[in-house]
Amino acid sequence: MTKGPLEGVRIADFTFAWAGPYASTLLGYMGAEAIHVESNSRPDHSRTISLTTHRRFQGLNQSPVFSDINAGKRGVTLDLKKPGAVELAKRIVKICDVAAQNMRPGVMERLGLGYEALRAVKPDIIYLSSSARGAEGPERRYVGYAPSFAALGGLSHLTGYPDKPPANMAGEIDLISATTSAFAILAALNHKQRTGEGQHIDLSSSEAISVFMGEVLMDYDMNGRVQSRDGNRDIIMVPHNCYPCLGDDKWVSIVVTSDEEWEAFCAAIDKPEWIEDERFRDAVSRKTNEEELDRLVGQWTIDRTHYDVMNLLQKAGIAAVPSFDSEELLKDPHSKERGLFTVVEHANEEKQTMVSPPWKFSETPVKIYSRGPHFGEHNRYVFGELLGMKDDEIRALMDEQIIY
């Protein structure tokens, strides 16, 4: 069988929560082997509670959240507050190409697992440090989570409605930071392949959000204008919104980007008179009269299903799609045909549905290989097979609670 594109790459993963772990999970989809190092004194909080639903899980192996964010990894347990554990962690790093951590700057250094310490045992190591504000700067030690990244990155201020406070986003922001981390690691692996050199990657999760703010920053820099919240609306394009459809809480997203598309839209919905209407004749007029136009479009969509609206407008070249809820996404025929979802074994022989990798490689498989690891599930494999330790050595370390 053809191997994944990152087959042979190994990652020592000292991360927790979402923004850290998901980076190596993405690389694992492509065949990399990630060894997730955890501590009994500080288990990953996604093992115990869902930050989305606030559901608490019984035991450390029941959480589908942890399993999803850490799919396919090997799991080991070490008490890194003990010197013996730190030495074992260094031995793990020695057989890896990448080490990743998302502690506050200074924490890993105090443990003896900072970049310089690990480079001493593995000179070509790629070392990713991910934190709220980065490893340098006056706010480097500040605590931050996904809502902090969105707020500091400038995205929260733009998200929401004009008469409401900024929307405080959560998990999806972590995943953006993690995807940025994975991209950076791939670039460093390419450099290492060409030169043999490892390096330190200093990633700021808030800056990973700021990179999306280019248009907004340019608007201020050139026009002195501070953009703010405007719901689903665009600064130029109209219609640009979600409109109500037939059924309970059913919506369709419609975007018209040009005068040509506007004419096609009007023809498709049998409203040719709108083309010559002074209120909607060009982009400036449509923006000026956006409130009225949104009302009229909503009157047209409300008697149709979101699928009917999509099918009609897509034939005219208009970007119209249903705003799926979770049930619709899981049942969507197109998504099913593309294999968007993977079902894996979870705890107690239960099944768990996960979202598959969004990329389809023609020559190398990219997939979810397994659920996330149970707590310490692969201690024997990592310490025994990979590090060559004998059973009595492992038992002694377990007795000392260096390994759990």
Foldseek 3Di string as FASTA:
>chain_A
DFAFPCAPAEEEQAEADQLRQQLVVQVVLRHYEYEYEEEPVDGHVLQAADPVVRDGDDDRFFRLRLQQSNFPYHYFYFDLVDPVLLVVSLLLQLSHQEYEYADQAPPCVVSQRDPVSSCVSVVQHAYEYEYAAWNDDPCSRPHDAQLSLCVLLVNQQAEDAPVDHRDRDHDVLSVLSSNVVNVVVVVQVVVCVVPVHHDYHIHHSSVSSNVVCVVQVVCCVPPVDHHGYHHQDDPFWPPAHWAAAEDDPKTKGWTQDFLLLVCLVCVLLVNNVQCVPPCRVGRVSCVVVVVVRNVVVNVSRHHHHQVVVCVSSVVSVIPMHIPDDPVCVVVPPVCVVVVQWDWAQGPPRDIDIHGWDPDDDPRHRRTRPHTRDGHRNCVCVCCCVVVPDDPVVVVVCVVVVSTD
